[in-house]
Amino acid sequence: MTATDYLSRLALALPLVLALAVAAIFAMKRGWLRLPTRTADTGLLRTLATLTPVPGVRLVAVEFDGRRVLLAVSKNGVTPIEVAP
């Protein structure tokens, strides 16, 4: 492999890798791509279901201390909507 072959391959591969990195960051910021999270359902809080009705807002049903709670999660914070015994 000569130096020109190496530089031509680098000139093709480097912009492709950088474009993929920028696209992944953009998708994560927009909420289209999420990293896998580790959940531990052994404590007092257990996630039952998650729904995203509109971008930026999630409805999360959790079980806390034997009670089911419906939460609205947004950029402004967490708001309990309904608590069932």
N, C-alpha and C. Protein backbone atom coordinates (compact mmCIF):
# COMPACT_ATOMS: atom_id res chain seq x y z
N MET A 1 0.85 -1.17 0.00
CA MET A 1 0.00 0.00 0.00
C MET A 1 0.90 1.24 0.00
N THR A 2 0.64 2.08 -0.94
CA THR A 2 1.45 3.29 -1.04
C THR A 2 0.81 4.40 -0.22
N ALA A 3 1.52 5.48 -0.09
CA ALA A 3 1.03 6.61 0.70
C ALA A 3 -0.20 7.23 0.08
N THR A 4 -0.27 7.26 -1.24
CA THR A 4 -1.45 7.86 -1.89
C THR A 4 -2.68 6.98 -1.70
N ASP A 5 -2.51 5.66 -1.70
CA ASP A 5 -3.64 4.76 -1.43
C ASP A 5 -4.15 4.97 -0.01
N TYR A 6 -3.22 5.06 0.91
CA TYR A 6 -3.60 5.28 2.30
C TYR A 6 -4.34 6.60 2.48
N LEU A 7 -3.82 7.67 1.88
CA LEU A 7 -4.46 8.98 2.01
C LEU A 7 -5.81 9.03 1.32
N SER A 8 -5.97 8.35 0.20
CA SER A 8 -7.27 8.34 -0.48
C SER A 8 -8.30 7.57 0.33
N ARG A 9 -7.92 6.45 0.93
CA ARG A 9 -8.84 5.71 1.80
C ARG A 9 -9.20 6.52 3.04
N LEU A 10 -8.22 7.20 3.60
CA LEU A 10 -8.48 8.05 4.76
C LEU A 10 -9.40 9.21 4.41
N ALA A 11 -9.20 9.78 3.23
CA ALA A 11 -10.05 10.89 2.78
C ALA A 11 -11.49 10.45 2.58
N LEU A 12 -11.73 9.19 2.28
CA LEU A 12 -13.09 8.68 2.13
C LEU A 12 -13.68 8.22 3.46
N ALA A 13 -12.89 7.57 4.28
CA ALA A 13 -13.41 6.98 5.52
C ALA A 13 -13.62 8.01 6.62
N LEU A 14 -12.75 8.95 6.76
CA LEU A 14 -12.85 9.92 7.85
C LEU A 14 -14.12 10.76 7.78
N PRO A 15 -14.50 11.33 6.64
CA PRO A 15 -15.76 12.08 6.61
C PRO A 15 -16.98 11.20 6.86
N LEU A 16 -16.93 9.95 6.44
CA LEU A 16 -18.04 9.03 6.69
C LEU A 16 -18.20 8.76 8.18
N VAL A 17 -17.13 8.51 8.87
CA VAL A 17 -17.19 8.26 10.32
C VAL A 17 -17.64 9.52 11.06
N LEU A 18 -17.14 10.67 10.66
CA LEU A 18 -17.55 11.92 11.30
C LEU A 18 -19.03 12.21 11.05
N ALA A 19 -19.53 11.93 9.85
CA ALA A 19 -20.95 12.14 9.54
C ALA A 19 -21.82 11.21 10.37
N LEU A 20 -21.40 9.98 10.55
CA LEU A 20 -22.17 9.04 11.39
C LEU A 20 -22.19 9.49 12.85
N ALA A 21 -21.08 10.01 13.34
CA ALA A 21 -21.03 10.50 14.72
C ALA A 21 -21.95 11.70 14.91
N VAL A 22 -21.93 12.63 13.96
CA VAL A 22 -22.79 13.81 14.05
C VAL A 22 -24.26 13.39 13.96
N ALA A 23 -24.58 12.45 13.08
CA ALA A 23 -25.96 11.97 12.95
C ALA A 23 -26.42 11.29 14.24
N ALA A 24 -25.57 10.52 14.88
CA ALA A 24 -25.93 9.86 16.14
C ALA A 24 -26.17 10.88 17.25
N ILE A 25 -25.34 11.89 17.33
CA ILE A 25 -25.53 12.94 18.35
C ILE A 25 -26.83 13.70 18.09
N PHE A 26 -27.10 14.02 16.83
CA PHE A 26 -28.34 14.72 16.48
C PHE A 26 -29.56 13.87 16.85
N ALA A 27 -29.51 12.58 16.54
CA ALA A 27 -30.64 11.69 16.85
C ALA A 27 -30.84 11.55 18.35
N MET A 28 -29.78 11.53 19.12
CA MET A 28 -29.91 11.43 20.58
C MET A 28 -30.49 12.72 21.16
N LYS A 29 -30.09 13.87 20.63
CA LYS A 29 -30.63 15.14 21.12
C LYS A 29 -32.12 15.27 20.79
N ARG A 30 -32.54 14.77 19.64
CA ARG A 30 -33.94 14.85 19.23
C ARG A 30 -34.79 13.77 19.90
N GLY A 31 -34.18 12.81 20.55
CA GLY A 31 -34.93 11.76 21.21
C GLY A 31 -35.26 10.57 20.32
N TRP A 32 -34.68 10.53 19.13
CA TRP A 32 -34.93 9.43 18.22
C TRP A 32 -34.11 8.20 18.56
N LEU A 33 -33.04 8.40 19.28
CA LEU A 33 -32.12 7.31 19.62
C LEU A 33 -31.82 7.39 21.10
N ARG A 34 -32.01 6.31 21.79
CA ARG A 34 -31.70 6.27 23.22
C ARG A 34 -30.70 5.16 23.50
N LEU A 35 -29.84 5.43 24.43
CA LEU A 35 -28.91 4.41 24.86
C LEU A 35 -29.64 3.44 25.77
N PRO A 36 -29.30 2.17 25.71
CA PRO A 36 -29.97 1.22 26.60
C PRO A 36 -29.65 1.53 28.06
N THR A 37 -30.68 1.45 28.89
CA THR A 37 -30.50 1.72 30.30
C THR A 37 -30.65 0.43 31.09
N ARG A 38 -30.05 0.43 32.21
CA ARG A 38 -30.12 -0.74 33.08
C ARG A 38 -31.19 -0.50 34.12
N THR A 39 -32.14 -1.41 34.23
CA THR A 39 -33.23 -1.24 35.19
C THR A 39 -33.09 -2.27 36.29
N ALA A 40 -33.39 -1.84 37.47
CA ALA A 40 -33.38 -2.72 38.63
C ALA A 40 -34.78 -2.67 39.24
N ASP A 41 -35.56 -3.72 39.03
CA ASP A 41 -36.92 -3.77 39.52
C ASP A 41 -37.02 -4.43 40.89
N THR A 42 -35.96 -4.42 41.65
CA THR A 42 -35.97 -5.09 42.93
C THR A 42 -36.27 -4.14 44.09
N GLY A 43 -36.25 -2.84 43.84
CA GLY A 43 -36.46 -1.87 44.91
C GLY A 43 -37.92 -1.50 45.09
N LEU A 44 -38.16 -0.35 45.69
CA LEU A 44 -39.52 0.13 45.93
C LEU A 44 -40.18 0.63 44.66
N LEU A 45 -39.41 1.07 43.69
CA LEU A 45 -39.95 1.66 42.48
C LEU A 45 -39.78 0.70 41.32
N ARG A 46 -40.89 0.46 40.59
CA ARG A 46 -40.85 -0.46 39.45
C ARG A 46 -41.60 0.18 38.29
N THR A 47 -40.99 0.25 37.12
CA THR A 47 -41.62 0.82 35.94
C THR A 47 -42.53 -0.22 35.30
N LEU A 48 -43.81 0.15 35.13
CA LEU A 48 -44.77 -0.77 34.53
C LEU A 48 -44.92 -0.55 33.03
N ALA A 49 -45.01 0.72 32.60
CA ALA A 49 -45.17 1.02 31.17
C ALA A 49 -44.71 2.45 30.90
N THR A 50 -44.33 2.70 29.65
CA THR A 50 -43.91 4.03 29.22
C THR A 50 -44.56 4.32 27.88
N LEU A 51 -45.06 5.55 27.73
CA LEU A 51 -45.71 5.98 26.50
C LEU A 51 -45.26 7.40 26.18
N THR A 52 -44.98 7.66 24.90
CA THR A 52 -44.59 9.01 24.47
C THR A 52 -45.69 9.54 23.55
N PRO A 53 -46.69 10.28 24.10
CA PRO A 53 -47.78 10.76 23.25
C PRO A 53 -47.36 11.89 22.31
N VAL A 54 -46.49 12.77 22.75
CA VAL A 54 -45.96 13.85 21.92
C VAL A 54 -44.47 13.97 22.20
N PRO A 55 -43.68 14.48 21.26
CA PRO A 55 -42.24 14.63 21.52
C PRO A 55 -41.99 15.54 22.72
N GLY A 56 -41.12 15.10 23.59
CA GLY A 56 -40.76 15.90 24.76
C GLY A 56 -41.55 15.56 26.00
N VAL A 57 -42.60 14.74 25.89
CA VAL A 57 -43.42 14.37 27.05
C VAL A 57 -43.56 12.85 27.06
N ARG A 58 -43.34 12.27 28.24
CA ARG A 58 -43.54 10.84 28.40
C ARG A 58 -44.50 10.59 29.54
N LEU A 59 -45.37 9.62 29.37
CA LEU A 59 -46.22 9.15 30.45
C LEU A 59 -45.62 7.84 30.96
N VAL A 60 -45.40 7.78 32.26
CA VAL A 60 -44.75 6.61 32.85
C VAL A 60 -45.64 6.09 33.96
N ALA A 61 -45.98 4.82 33.87
CA ALA A 61 -46.74 4.16 34.94
C ALA A 61 -45.73 3.41 35.81
N VAL A 62 -45.70 3.74 37.09
CA VAL A 62 -44.78 3.10 38.02
C VAL A 62 -45.55 2.54 39.20
N GLU A 63 -44.94 1.57 39.83
CA GLU A 63 -45.49 1.03 41.07
C GLU A 63 -44.52 1.41 42.19
N PHE A 64 -45.04 2.13 43.16
CA PHE A 64 -44.22 2.62 44.26
C PHE A 64 -44.88 2.25 45.58
N ASP A 65 -44.20 1.46 46.36
CA ASP A 65 -44.68 1.06 47.69
C ASP A 65 -46.08 0.44 47.61
N GLY A 66 -46.29 -0.39 46.59
CA GLY A 66 -47.57 -1.08 46.44
C GLY A 66 -48.65 -0.27 45.76
N ARG A 67 -48.40 0.99 45.43
CA ARG A 67 -49.39 1.84 44.75
C ARG A 67 -48.93 2.11 43.32
N ARG A 68 -49.91 2.22 42.44
CA ARG A 68 -49.60 2.55 41.04
C ARG A 68 -49.75 4.05 40.83
N VAL A 69 -48.74 4.65 40.22
CA VAL A 69 -48.70 6.10 40.01
C VAL A 69 -48.46 6.36 38.53
N LEU A 70 -49.26 7.27 37.94
CA LEU A 70 -49.06 7.71 36.57
C LEU A 70 -48.34 9.05 36.61
N LEU A 71 -47.18 9.13 35.96
CA LEU A 71 -46.34 10.33 35.99
C LEU A 71 -46.21 10.91 34.58
N ALA A 72 -46.20 12.24 34.50
CA ALA A 72 -45.88 12.93 33.25
C ALA A 72 -44.46 13.45 33.40
N VAL A 73 -43.59 13.06 32.49
CA VAL A 73 -42.17 13.44 32.55
C VAL A 73 -41.88 14.32 31.34
N SER A 74 -41.38 15.54 31.59
CA SER A 74 -41.01 16.46 30.52
C SER A 74 -39.74 17.19 30.90
N LYS A 75 -39.34 18.14 30.08
CA LYS A 75 -38.14 18.92 30.37
C LYS A 75 -38.33 19.77 31.62
N ASN A 76 -39.59 20.11 31.93
CA ASN A 76 -39.87 20.94 33.10
C ASN A 76 -39.87 20.17 34.41
N GLY A 77 -39.92 18.85 34.34
CA GLY A 77 -39.90 18.05 35.55
C GLY A 77 -40.86 16.88 35.49
N VAL A 78 -41.17 16.36 36.66
CA VAL A 78 -42.05 15.20 36.80
C VAL A 78 -43.30 15.63 37.54
N THR A 79 -44.48 15.28 36.96
CA THR A 79 -45.75 15.66 37.58
C THR A 79 -46.59 14.41 37.78
N PRO A 80 -47.01 14.12 39.02
CA PRO A 80 -47.90 12.97 39.22
C PRO A 80 -49.30 13.31 38.69
N ILE A 81 -49.86 12.42 37.89
CA ILE A 81 -51.18 12.66 37.31
C ILE A 81 -52.26 11.92 38.10
N GLU A 82 -51.99 10.66 38.40
CA GLU A 82 -52.99 9.87 39.11
C GLU A 82 -52.30 8.86 39.99
N VAL A 83 -52.86 8.66 41.19
CA VAL A 83 -52.35 7.69 42.14
C VAL A 83 -53.46 6.70 42.42
N ALA A 84 -53.21 5.43 42.16
CA ALA A 84 -54.19 4.39 42.42
C ALA A 84 -53.70 3.52 43.58
N PRO A 85 -54.61 3.10 44.45
CA PRO A 85 -54.18 2.26 45.58
C PRO A 85 -53.73 0.89 45.15
